[in-house]
N, C-alpha and C. Protein backbone atom coordinates (compact mmCIF):
# COMPACT_ATOMS: atom_id res chain seq x y z
N UNK A 1 96.48 205.51 113.35
CA UNK A 1 95.26 206.15 113.00
C UNK A 1 95.50 205.16 112.45
N UNK A 2 96.74 204.36 111.79
CA UNK A 2 97.47 203.67 110.24
C UNK A 2 96.77 202.13 111.10
N UNK A 3 97.61 202.08 111.91
CA UNK A 3 97.53 200.45 112.64
C UNK A 3 95.57 200.90 113.13
N UNK A 4 95.06 201.45 113.60
CA UNK A 4 93.54 201.47 113.16
C UNK A 4 93.11 200.90 112.17
N UNK A 5 93.20 201.88 110.94
CA UNK A 5 92.56 201.23 109.88
C UNK A 5 92.71 199.95 109.15
N UNK A 6 94.29 199.06 109.51
CA UNK A 6 94.68 198.34 109.36
C UNK A 6 94.01 196.94 110.17
N UNK A 7 93.68 196.94 111.04
CA UNK A 7 93.32 196.41 111.60
C UNK A 7 91.65 196.16 111.89
N UNK A 8 90.76 197.31 111.22
CA UNK A 8 90.00 197.31 110.65
C UNK A 8 89.84 196.75 109.56
N UNK A 9 91.21 196.84 108.33
CA UNK A 9 91.19 196.25 107.16
C UNK A 9 91.35 194.58 107.23
N UNK A 10 91.64 194.26 107.94
CA UNK A 10 91.54 192.61 108.48
C UNK A 10 90.83 192.12 109.28
N UNK A 11 89.40 192.91 109.80
CA UNK A 11 88.16 192.27 109.98
C UNK A 11 87.67 192.19 108.81
N UNK A 12 87.20 193.75 108.62
CA UNK A 12 86.35 193.41 106.88
C UNK A 12 87.02 192.46 106.08
N UNK A 13 87.80 191.72 106.06
CA UNK A 13 88.06 191.34 104.80
C UNK A 13 87.94 189.44 104.91
N UNK A 14 88.12 189.19 106.62
CA UNK A 14 87.64 188.29 107.49
C UNK A 14 86.46 187.83 107.04
N UNK A 15 85.29 189.15 107.40
CA UNK A 15 84.07 189.42 107.39
C UNK A 15 83.46 188.79 106.25
N UNK A 16 83.88 189.04 105.17
CA UNK A 16 83.54 189.03 103.73
C UNK A 16 83.21 188.00 103.37
N UNK A 17 84.35 186.89 104.07
CA UNK A 17 84.94 186.13 103.31
C UNK A 17 83.99 184.72 104.53
N UNK A 18 83.63 185.20 104.95
CA UNK A 18 82.25 184.50 106.02
C UNK A 18 82.99 183.19 106.73
N UNK A 19 84.34 183.95 107.40
CA UNK A 19 85.08 183.01 107.82
C UNK A 19 85.27 183.77 110.01
N UNK A 20 85.50 183.62 110.72
CA UNK A 20 85.19 183.34 112.16
C UNK A 20 86.93 183.36 112.29
N UNK A 21 87.00 183.77 113.44
CA UNK A 21 88.48 184.22 113.88
C UNK A 21 88.36 182.87 113.51
N UNK A 22 88.52 181.54 114.80
CA UNK A 22 88.67 180.86 114.75
C UNK A 22 88.80 179.86 113.36
N UNK A 23 87.91 179.36 112.78
CA UNK A 23 88.46 178.87 111.66
C UNK A 23 89.85 179.47 110.15
N UNK A 24 89.72 180.87 110.60
CA UNK A 24 90.86 181.10 109.92
C UNK A 24 92.20 181.38 111.04
N UNK A 25 91.72 181.21 111.71
CA UNK A 25 93.54 181.05 112.20
C UNK A 25 94.00 179.73 112.66
N UNK A 26 92.91 178.59 112.04
CA UNK A 26 93.15 177.50 112.45
C UNK A 26 93.21 177.22 110.23
N UNK A 27 93.04 177.52 109.47
CA UNK A 27 93.69 178.01 107.90
C UNK A 27 95.30 178.37 108.44
N UNK A 28 95.55 179.34 109.32
CA UNK A 28 96.56 179.74 109.36
C UNK A 28 97.85 178.99 110.32
N UNK A 29 96.96 178.14 110.78
CA UNK A 29 97.57 177.65 111.62
C UNK A 29 98.07 177.99 113.07
N UNK A 30 97.24 179.46 113.39
CA UNK A 30 97.69 179.97 114.84
C UNK A 30 96.15 180.05 115.68
N UNK A 31 96.98 180.91 116.63
CA UNK A 31 95.74 180.57 117.82
C UNK A 31 94.53 181.59 116.78
N UNK A 32 93.24 181.34 117.78
CA UNK A 32 92.22 182.90 118.09
C UNK A 32 92.50 183.59 117.96
N UNK A 33 92.92 183.97 119.79
CA UNK A 33 94.12 185.64 119.33
C UNK A 33 94.67 186.07 119.21
N UNK A 34 95.53 184.93 118.43
CA UNK A 34 96.08 185.87 117.36
C UNK A 34 95.95 186.65 116.71
N UNK A 35 94.70 186.45 115.66
CA UNK A 35 94.01 186.56 114.70
C UNK A 35 93.05 187.96 115.68
N UNK A 36 92.56 187.65 116.80
CA UNK A 36 92.31 188.73 117.66
C UNK A 36 92.60 189.90 117.50
N UNK A 37 93.98 189.43 118.33
CA UNK A 37 94.99 190.67 117.67
C UNK A 37 95.02 191.50 117.26
N UNK A 38 95.50 190.95 116.00
CA UNK A 38 95.21 191.33 114.91
C UNK A 38 94.72 192.12 114.26
N UNK A 39 93.15 192.68 114.40
CA UNK A 39 91.91 192.88 114.51
C UNK A 39 92.07 194.03 115.01
N UNK A 40 92.63 193.89 116.25
CA UNK A 40 92.24 194.96 117.55
C UNK A 40 93.97 196.42 117.26
N UNK A 41 94.29 195.12 116.76
CA UNK A 41 95.55 196.51 116.15
C UNK A 41 96.80 196.60 117.54
N UNK A 42 96.61 194.92 118.31
CA UNK A 42 97.59 194.74 118.95
C UNK A 42 99.40 194.90 118.97
N UNK A 43 98.61 193.94 117.62
CA UNK A 43 100.23 193.49 116.93
C UNK A 43 99.54 193.05 115.75
N UNK A 44 100.91 193.17 114.81
CA UNK A 44 100.45 192.66 113.11
C UNK A 44 101.07 192.34 112.55
N UNK A 45 100.59 191.43 111.69
CA UNK A 45 100.89 189.67 111.57
C UNK A 45 102.04 189.96 110.75
N UNK A 46 102.63 188.58 110.95
CA UNK A 46 104.55 188.88 109.90
C UNK A 46 104.06 188.82 108.57
N UNK A 47 105.00 188.58 107.60
CA UNK A 47 104.80 188.50 106.06
C UNK A 47 104.13 187.53 105.61
N UNK A 48 104.96 186.27 105.79
CA UNK A 48 103.86 184.96 106.36
C UNK A 48 102.51 184.56 106.25
N UNK A 49 102.39 185.46 107.02
CA UNK A 49 101.42 185.23 107.50
C UNK A 49 99.65 186.17 106.36
N UNK A 50 100.60 187.86 106.23
CA UNK A 50 99.68 188.76 105.53
C UNK A 50 100.05 187.28 104.19
N UNK A 51 100.57 187.23 102.89
CA UNK A 51 100.44 186.43 102.06
C UNK A 51 99.51 185.28 101.88
N UNK A 52 99.74 184.78 103.46
CA UNK A 52 98.98 183.71 103.84
C UNK A 52 97.48 184.40 103.23
N UNK A 53 96.99 185.03 104.14
CA UNK A 53 95.65 185.78 104.60
C UNK A 53 95.17 186.30 102.90
N UNK A 54 96.42 186.64 102.20
CA UNK A 54 96.36 187.27 100.43
C UNK A 54 95.30 186.50 100.21
N UNK A 55 96.47 185.45 100.17
CA UNK A 55 95.62 183.56 98.56
C UNK A 55 94.36 183.29 99.79
N UNK A 56 94.58 183.34 100.71
CA UNK A 56 92.92 183.02 101.53
C UNK A 56 91.89 183.58 101.47
N UNK A 57 91.71 184.50 100.79
CA UNK A 57 91.10 186.33 100.63
C UNK A 57 90.91 185.99 99.36
N UNK A 58 91.73 185.54 98.94
CA UNK A 58 91.84 185.18 97.23
C UNK A 58 92.09 188.01 96.32
N UNK A 59 92.95 187.86 96.92
CA UNK A 59 93.54 189.50 96.60
C UNK A 59 95.00 190.23 96.60
N UNK A 60 95.21 190.36 96.37
CA UNK A 60 96.35 191.10 96.30
C UNK A 60 96.65 191.60 97.75
N UNK A 61 98.65 191.34 97.99
CA UNK A 61 98.99 191.28 99.58
C UNK A 61 99.20 193.01 99.13
N UNK A 62 98.56 193.97 98.41
CA UNK A 62 98.19 195.18 98.74
C UNK A 62 97.42 196.19 98.38
N UNK A 63 96.02 195.29 98.20
CA UNK A 63 95.38 195.79 98.83
C UNK A 63 94.96 195.41 100.20
N UNK A 64 95.29 194.00 100.86
CA UNK A 64 95.33 193.55 101.92
C UNK A 64 95.98 194.29 103.43
N UNK A 65 97.05 195.11 102.27
CA UNK A 65 97.38 195.98 104.09
C UNK A 65 97.09 197.42 103.55
N UNK A 66 96.14 197.85 102.06
CA UNK A 66 95.61 199.21 101.75
C UNK A 66 96.42 199.93 100.87
N UNK A 67 97.90 199.54 100.60
CA UNK A 67 98.98 199.74 99.59
C UNK A 67 98.65 199.75 98.23
N UNK A 68 96.61 200.81 98.26
CA UNK A 68 96.96 200.52 96.36
C UNK A 68 97.23 201.73 95.87
N UNK A 69 97.88 202.22 94.80
CA UNK A 69 98.58 202.99 94.57
C UNK A 69 98.24 202.55 93.19
N UNK A 70 98.15 203.58 91.91
CA UNK A 70 98.59 203.06 90.49
C UNK A 70 99.41 201.58 89.90
N UNK A 71 100.82 201.25 90.61
CA UNK A 71 100.28 200.42 90.38
C UNK A 71 100.45 199.10 90.34
N UNK A 72 99.30 199.34 91.57
CA UNK A 72 98.47 197.86 92.18
C UNK A 72 96.89 198.41 90.88
N UNK A 73 96.76 198.65 90.09
CA UNK A 73 95.71 199.21 90.41
C UNK A 73 95.16 197.80 89.86
N UNK A 74 96.14 197.52 88.53
CA UNK A 74 96.20 196.68 87.97
C UNK A 74 95.30 195.44 88.71
N UNK A 75 96.49 195.18 89.90
CA UNK A 75 96.07 193.72 90.76
C UNK A 75 94.78 194.48 91.08
N UNK A 76 94.71 195.05 91.76
CA UNK A 76 92.88 194.95 91.89
C UNK A 76 91.94 194.90 91.50
N UNK A 77 91.76 195.52 89.85
CA UNK A 77 90.64 195.11 88.94
C UNK A 77 90.47 193.91 89.12
N UNK A 78 91.85 193.35 89.03
CA UNK A 78 91.72 191.74 88.32
C UNK A 78 91.49 190.59 90.16
N UNK A 79 91.09 190.83 90.67
CA UNK A 79 90.37 190.80 91.86
C UNK A 79 88.50 190.75 91.90
N UNK A 80 88.62 191.91 91.08
CA UNK A 80 86.63 192.35 90.89
C UNK A 80 86.04 191.22 90.51
N UNK A 81 86.97 191.22 89.37
CA UNK A 81 86.19 189.94 88.09
C UNK A 81 85.41 188.76 88.59
N UNK A 82 85.73 188.21 90.45
CA UNK A 82 85.64 187.10 90.97
C UNK A 82 83.87 187.14 91.78
N UNK A 83 83.79 188.31 91.77
CA UNK A 83 82.32 189.33 91.59
C UNK A 83 81.61 188.79 90.71
N UNK A 84 81.79 188.48 89.30
CA UNK A 84 80.87 188.51 87.81
C UNK A 84 80.23 187.32 88.01
N UNK A 85 80.33 186.81 87.68
CA UNK A 85 80.47 184.87 87.79
C UNK A 85 78.53 185.07 88.96
N UNK A 86 78.84 185.94 89.49
CA UNK A 86 77.68 185.38 90.30
C UNK A 86 76.64 186.25 90.11
N UNK A 87 76.84 187.43 89.30
CA UNK A 87 75.47 188.27 88.70
C UNK A 87 75.55 187.42 87.31
N UNK A 88 75.97 187.20 86.26
CA UNK A 88 75.49 186.39 85.39
C UNK A 88 74.88 184.99 85.21
N UNK A 89 75.08 184.87 86.68
CA UNK A 89 74.81 183.37 87.04
C UNK A 89 72.80 183.94 87.83
N UNK A 90 72.94 184.98 88.20
CA UNK A 90 71.44 185.00 89.28
C UNK A 90 70.66 185.80 87.69
N UNK A 91 71.50 186.46 86.76
CA UNK A 91 70.33 186.93 85.94
C UNK A 91 69.69 185.85 85.36
N UNK A 92 71.23 184.90 84.63
CA UNK A 92 70.22 183.80 83.75
C UNK A 92 68.96 183.40 84.79
N UNK A 93 69.18 183.23 85.78
CA UNK A 93 67.77 181.99 87.36
C UNK A 93 67.44 183.37 86.95
N UNK A 94 66.85 184.20 87.18
CA UNK A 94 65.72 185.11 86.73
C UNK A 94 64.89 185.21 85.57
N UNK A 95 65.98 185.22 84.41
CA UNK A 95 66.03 184.92 83.38
C UNK A 95 65.09 183.56 83.02
N UNK A 96 65.09 183.00 83.27
CA UNK A 96 64.63 181.41 83.24
C UNK A 96 63.79 181.36 84.02
N UNK A 97 63.54 182.05 85.28
CA UNK A 97 62.33 181.70 85.49
C UNK A 97 61.10 182.14 85.43
N UNK A 98 61.30 182.57 84.45
CA UNK A 98 60.44 184.34 83.78
C UNK A 98 59.90 183.40 83.06
N UNK A 99 60.52 182.85 82.28
CA UNK A 99 60.57 182.18 80.73
C UNK A 99 59.36 181.25 81.31
N UNK A 100 59.76 180.59 82.43
CA UNK A 100 59.38 179.24 83.08
C UNK A 100 58.09 179.39 83.29
N UNK A 101 57.29 180.01 83.79
CA UNK A 101 55.96 180.97 84.60
C UNK A 101 55.53 181.51 83.10
N UNK A 102 56.21 182.37 81.86
CA UNK A 102 55.72 182.22 80.58
C UNK A 102 55.05 182.33 79.72
N UNK A 103 55.61 181.29 79.30
CA UNK A 103 56.18 181.02 78.34
C UNK A 103 54.94 179.56 78.11
N UNK A 104 54.44 179.15 76.32
CA UNK A 104 53.97 177.90 76.63
C UNK A 104 54.92 177.11 75.93
N UNK A 105 54.36 175.15 76.77
CA UNK A 105 54.92 174.24 76.32
C UNK A 105 55.05 173.37 76.94
N UNK A 106 55.53 171.97 76.17
CA UNK A 106 54.58 170.47 76.19
C UNK A 106 56.44 170.32 78.21
N UNK A 107 55.52 169.03 78.37
CA UNK A 107 56.03 169.16 79.64
C UNK A 107 57.57 168.57 79.57
N UNK A 108 57.48 167.93 78.04
CA UNK A 108 58.79 167.17 77.98
C UNK A 108 59.69 168.91 77.95
N UNK A 109 59.56 169.90 77.24
CA UNK A 109 59.98 171.24 77.56
C UNK A 109 60.50 171.86 78.78
N UNK A 110 59.38 171.31 79.42
CA UNK A 110 59.08 172.29 81.26
C UNK A 110 60.37 171.89 81.99
N UNK A 111 59.84 170.41 82.23
CA UNK A 111 61.40 169.60 82.61
C UNK A 111 62.41 169.46 81.72
N UNK A 112 63.00 170.95 80.78
CA UNK A 112 64.72 170.54 80.26
C UNK A 112 64.75 172.21 80.82
N UNK A 113 64.01 173.13 80.91
CA UNK A 113 63.67 174.15 81.85
C UNK A 113 64.59 174.49 82.88
N UNK A 114 63.21 173.36 83.45
CA UNK A 114 64.07 173.13 85.04
C UNK A 114 64.87 172.80 85.74
N UNK A 115 65.30 172.12 85.09
CA UNK A 115 67.12 170.79 84.98
C UNK A 115 67.48 172.88 84.75
N UNK A 116 67.57 173.16 83.71
CA UNK A 116 68.79 173.43 83.95
C UNK A 116 68.07 175.11 84.82
N UNK A 117 66.92 174.97 84.52
CA UNK A 117 66.93 176.40 86.44
C UNK A 117 67.68 176.00 87.84
N UNK A 118 67.44 174.61 88.20
CA UNK A 118 68.31 174.32 89.38
C UNK A 118 69.73 173.88 89.35
N UNK A 119 70.74 173.47 87.58
CA UNK A 119 71.50 173.69 87.58
C UNK A 119 72.52 175.38 88.50
N UNK A 120 71.59 175.81 87.11
CA UNK A 120 71.91 177.63 87.77
C UNK A 120 72.35 177.45 88.89
N UNK A 121 70.82 177.21 90.15
CA UNK A 121 71.33 177.06 91.33
C UNK A 121 71.54 176.48 92.52
N UNK A 122 71.89 176.12 91.33
CA UNK A 122 74.11 175.60 92.03
C UNK A 122 74.58 175.98 91.87
N UNK A 123 74.92 175.98 90.14
CA UNK A 123 75.97 177.76 90.34
C UNK A 123 76.17 178.01 91.04
N UNK A 124 75.15 178.93 91.51
CA UNK A 124 74.70 180.33 91.57
C UNK A 124 75.58 180.24 93.95
N UNK A 125 75.36 178.50 93.92
CA UNK A 125 75.89 177.53 95.29
C UNK A 125 77.50 177.99 95.75
N UNK A 126 77.72 178.06 93.81
CA UNK A 126 79.30 177.36 93.87
C UNK A 126 80.00 179.12 93.61
N UNK A 127 79.26 179.42 94.17
CA UNK A 127 80.09 181.06 93.41
C UNK A 127 79.52 182.12 95.12
N UNK A 128 78.66 181.45 95.46
CA UNK A 128 78.61 182.06 96.52
C UNK A 128 79.45 182.49 97.93
N UNK A 129 79.47 182.76 98.54
CA UNK A 129 80.77 182.78 99.55
C UNK A 129 80.91 181.37 100.19
N UNK A 130 79.79 180.95 101.06
CA UNK A 130 79.32 179.64 100.80
C UNK A 130 80.73 178.72 100.13
N UNK A 131 79.93 178.98 99.52
CA UNK A 131 80.28 178.13 98.08
C UNK A 131 81.87 178.09 98.04
N UNK A 132 82.85 179.50 97.52
CA UNK A 132 84.14 179.62 98.14
C UNK A 132 84.71 178.89 98.92
N UNK A 133 84.20 179.46 100.26
CA UNK A 133 85.05 178.39 101.20
C UNK A 133 85.54 177.44 101.01
N UNK A 134 84.09 176.05 100.89
CA UNK A 134 84.54 174.92 100.22
C UNK A 134 85.09 174.17 99.23
N UNK A 135 84.83 175.03 97.92
CA UNK A 135 85.96 175.14 96.95
C UNK A 135 86.82 176.16 96.85
N UNK A 136 88.32 176.59 97.14
CA UNK A 136 89.00 177.19 96.43
C UNK A 136 90.09 177.89 95.70
N UNK A 137 89.24 176.49 94.59
CA UNK A 137 89.51 176.90 93.79
C UNK A 137 88.24 177.45 92.40
N UNK A 138 88.61 177.98 90.88
CA UNK A 138 87.63 178.90 89.98
C UNK A 138 87.32 177.15 89.03
N UNK A 139 88.24 176.47 89.32
CA UNK A 139 88.03 175.30 87.66
C UNK A 139 86.96 174.18 88.47
N UNK A 140 86.05 174.12 89.48
CA UNK A 140 84.92 173.52 89.53
C UNK A 140 83.70 174.81 89.10
N UNK A 141 84.04 175.87 88.77
CA UNK A 141 82.88 176.65 89.04
C UNK A 141 83.16 177.08 87.45
N UNK A 142 83.73 176.84 87.08
CA UNK A 142 84.51 177.13 85.54
C UNK A 142 83.86 175.99 83.88
N UNK A 143 84.33 174.77 85.92
CA UNK A 143 83.48 173.63 84.76
C UNK A 143 81.97 173.98 84.57
N UNK A 144 81.73 173.72 85.90
CA UNK A 144 79.60 174.01 85.73
C UNK A 144 79.73 174.96 84.94
N UNK A 145 79.45 175.79 84.74
CA UNK A 145 79.63 177.70 83.80
C UNK A 145 79.83 176.72 81.75
N UNK A 146 80.80 175.86 81.96
CA UNK A 146 80.56 175.48 80.21
C UNK A 146 80.13 174.53 80.28
N UNK A 147 79.30 173.37 81.25
CA UNK A 147 78.51 172.39 80.64
C UNK A 147 76.79 173.06 81.10
N UNK A 148 77.08 174.07 81.45
CA UNK A 148 75.53 175.09 81.91
C UNK A 148 75.40 175.56 80.67
N UNK A 149 76.29 175.98 79.94
CA UNK A 149 76.21 176.82 78.80
C UNK A 149 75.59 175.68 78.16
N UNK A 150 76.63 174.71 77.46
CA UNK A 150 76.70 173.92 76.69
C UNK A 150 75.78 172.97 76.41
N UNK A 151 74.30 172.84 76.91
CA UNK A 151 72.87 171.87 78.39
C UNK A 151 72.07 173.15 77.24
N UNK A 152 72.19 174.70 77.54
CA UNK A 152 71.02 175.36 78.00
C UNK A 152 71.72 175.66 75.93
N UNK A 153 71.69 175.21 75.66
CA UNK A 153 72.76 175.46 73.96
C UNK A 153 71.87 174.39 73.09
N UNK A 154 72.51 172.76 74.15
CA UNK A 154 72.14 172.16 73.49
C UNK A 154 70.12 171.46 73.20
N UNK A 155 70.49 172.17 74.67
CA UNK A 155 68.20 172.04 74.36
C UNK A 155 67.45 172.26 73.95
N UNK A 156 68.14 173.75 73.29
CA UNK A 156 67.02 174.66 72.86
C UNK A 156 66.99 173.41 71.66
N UNK A 157 68.18 173.02 71.00
CA UNK A 157 68.01 172.46 70.00
C UNK A 157 67.23 171.12 69.76
N UNK A 158 67.97 170.37 71.26
CA UNK A 158 67.64 168.78 70.65
C UNK A 158 65.13 168.50 71.53
N UNK A 159 65.24 170.06 72.17
CA UNK A 159 63.47 170.09 71.79
C UNK A 159 62.86 171.12 71.20
N UNK A 160 63.43 171.20 70.21
CA UNK A 160 62.41 172.33 69.06
C UNK A 160 61.48 172.26 69.25
N UNK A 161 60.92 171.04 69.09
CA UNK A 161 59.64 171.12 68.83
C UNK A 161 58.93 170.69 70.39
N UNK A 162 59.43 169.97 71.46
CA UNK A 162 58.74 170.29 72.52
C UNK A 162 57.92 171.61 73.37
N UNK A 163 59.47 172.66 73.11
CA UNK A 163 59.59 173.71 73.45
C UNK A 163 58.69 174.87 73.03
N UNK A 164 58.26 175.58 73.07
CA UNK A 164 57.88 177.07 72.76
C UNK A 164 59.03 178.07 71.75
N UNK A 165 58.13 178.88 71.23
CA UNK A 165 59.54 179.85 69.85
C UNK A 165 60.30 180.28 71.67
N UNK A 166 59.52 180.94 72.15
CA UNK A 166 59.81 181.32 73.89
C UNK A 166 61.34 181.54 74.21
N UNK A 167 61.27 179.25 74.19
CA UNK A 167 61.50 178.88 75.09
C UNK A 167 63.11 178.61 74.37
N UNK A 168 63.27 178.48 72.85
CA UNK A 168 64.45 177.81 72.46
C UNK A 168 65.01 179.11 72.83
N UNK A 169 64.55 179.86 71.70
CA UNK A 169 65.62 181.49 72.30
C UNK A 169 65.96 181.46 72.91
N UNK A 170 65.52 181.79 74.22
CA UNK A 170 65.99 181.83 75.97
C UNK A 170 67.03 181.29 76.22
N UNK A 171 66.60 179.88 75.75
CA UNK A 171 68.04 178.52 75.43
C UNK A 171 69.02 179.13 74.74
N UNK A 172 68.57 178.93 73.34
CA UNK A 172 70.32 179.71 72.67
C UNK A 172 70.71 180.85 73.37
N UNK A 173 69.98 181.91 73.38
CA UNK A 173 70.94 183.25 74.13
C UNK A 173 71.05 182.79 76.14
N UNK A 174 70.42 181.87 76.49
CA UNK A 174 71.33 181.74 77.65
C UNK A 174 72.89 180.80 77.74
N UNK A 175 72.54 180.67 76.85
CA UNK A 175 73.70 179.04 75.88
C UNK A 175 74.81 180.20 75.57
N UNK A 176 74.25 180.75 75.04
CA UNK A 176 75.58 181.90 74.56
C UNK A 176 76.45 182.42 75.10
N UNK A 177 75.21 183.19 76.59
CA UNK A 177 75.73 184.03 77.40
C UNK A 177 77.09 183.37 77.91
N UNK A 178 76.53 181.84 78.45
CA UNK A 178 77.40 181.52 79.30
C UNK A 178 78.79 180.97 79.23
N UNK A 179 78.14 180.43 77.58
CA UNK A 179 79.46 180.33 76.80
C UNK A 179 80.58 181.47 76.60
N UNK A 180 80.53 182.77 76.10
CA UNK A 180 81.71 184.11 76.11
C UNK A 180 81.65 184.19 77.60
N UNK A 181 81.01 184.20 78.70
CA UNK A 181 81.41 184.55 79.98
C UNK A 181 82.07 183.25 80.36
N UNK A 182 82.05 182.08 80.35
CA UNK A 182 83.39 181.39 80.68
C UNK A 182 84.85 181.44 79.46
N UNK A 183 84.38 181.97 78.86
CA UNK A 183 85.53 181.39 77.76
C UNK A 183 86.17 183.12 78.64
N UNK A 184 85.43 184.37 78.45
CA UNK A 184 86.25 185.27 79.12
C UNK A 184 86.89 185.10 80.35
N UNK A 185 87.12 184.52 81.52
CA UNK A 185 86.87 183.91 82.91
C UNK A 185 88.44 182.82 82.22
N UNK A 186 88.52 181.86 81.61
CA UNK A 186 88.93 180.89 81.52
C UNK A 186 90.36 181.48 81.05
N UNK A 187 89.93 182.87 79.85
CA UNK A 187 91.15 183.96 79.62
C UNK A 187 91.58 184.58 80.77
N UNK A 188 90.70 185.30 81.71
CA UNK A 188 91.72 185.69 82.79
C UNK A 188 91.95 185.28 83.29
N UNK A 189 91.77 183.59 84.34
CA UNK A 189 92.33 183.12 84.65
C UNK A 189 93.58 182.49 84.47
N UNK A 190 94.21 182.63 82.74
CA UNK A 190 95.33 181.55 82.31
C UNK A 190 95.94 183.08 82.83
N UNK A 191 95.66 184.05 81.78
CA UNK A 191 96.98 185.72 82.33
C UNK A 191 97.33 185.76 83.68
N UNK A 192 96.11 185.34 84.55
CA UNK A 192 96.36 185.50 86.51
C UNK A 192 97.88 185.00 86.78
N UNK A 193 97.62 183.26 86.05
CA UNK A 193 98.80 182.18 85.85
C UNK A 193 99.36 182.42 85.28
N UNK A 194 99.77 183.15 84.72
CA UNK A 194 101.70 183.52 83.56
C UNK A 194 102.10 184.03 85.10
């Protein structure tokens, strides 16, 4: 039963990361059949392979092996925040979209809002599971998030006369929220790498 649970855990983590068996095998420099044998429970990965798997999936070794106890809870919680940016960015996309279609503004004001909307969609794609496959680091996302926050905040100020009050306030609030979120994530990232 434990063997079967571990094999299912390996398969689940691979599918959550959106890797095929072949893609994962290429990353680990093993054959696809080796990955298959791990996921069916015929064989178990060695400690080096487990360490590499945990790094690829951005999770702790304890989470990968299913050995979560009181001491591993802190590590587990640190991995949860990786999904947080997607939620914040998704909310920002919805808010920008709703404000875009409900507020009155000049064409220059709408142009800025459209730019921010497209920028937010690009950030959301970066934190999607496909984007995380291409970029293994949070640095590009955090850089983009800071740039988005600064642009949103500044666009409200520079387009004071071009945007309606609703769009101005939206830009200020979105910029502030995204900058606070970026600061929190940078702080977490620094703490994890100490």
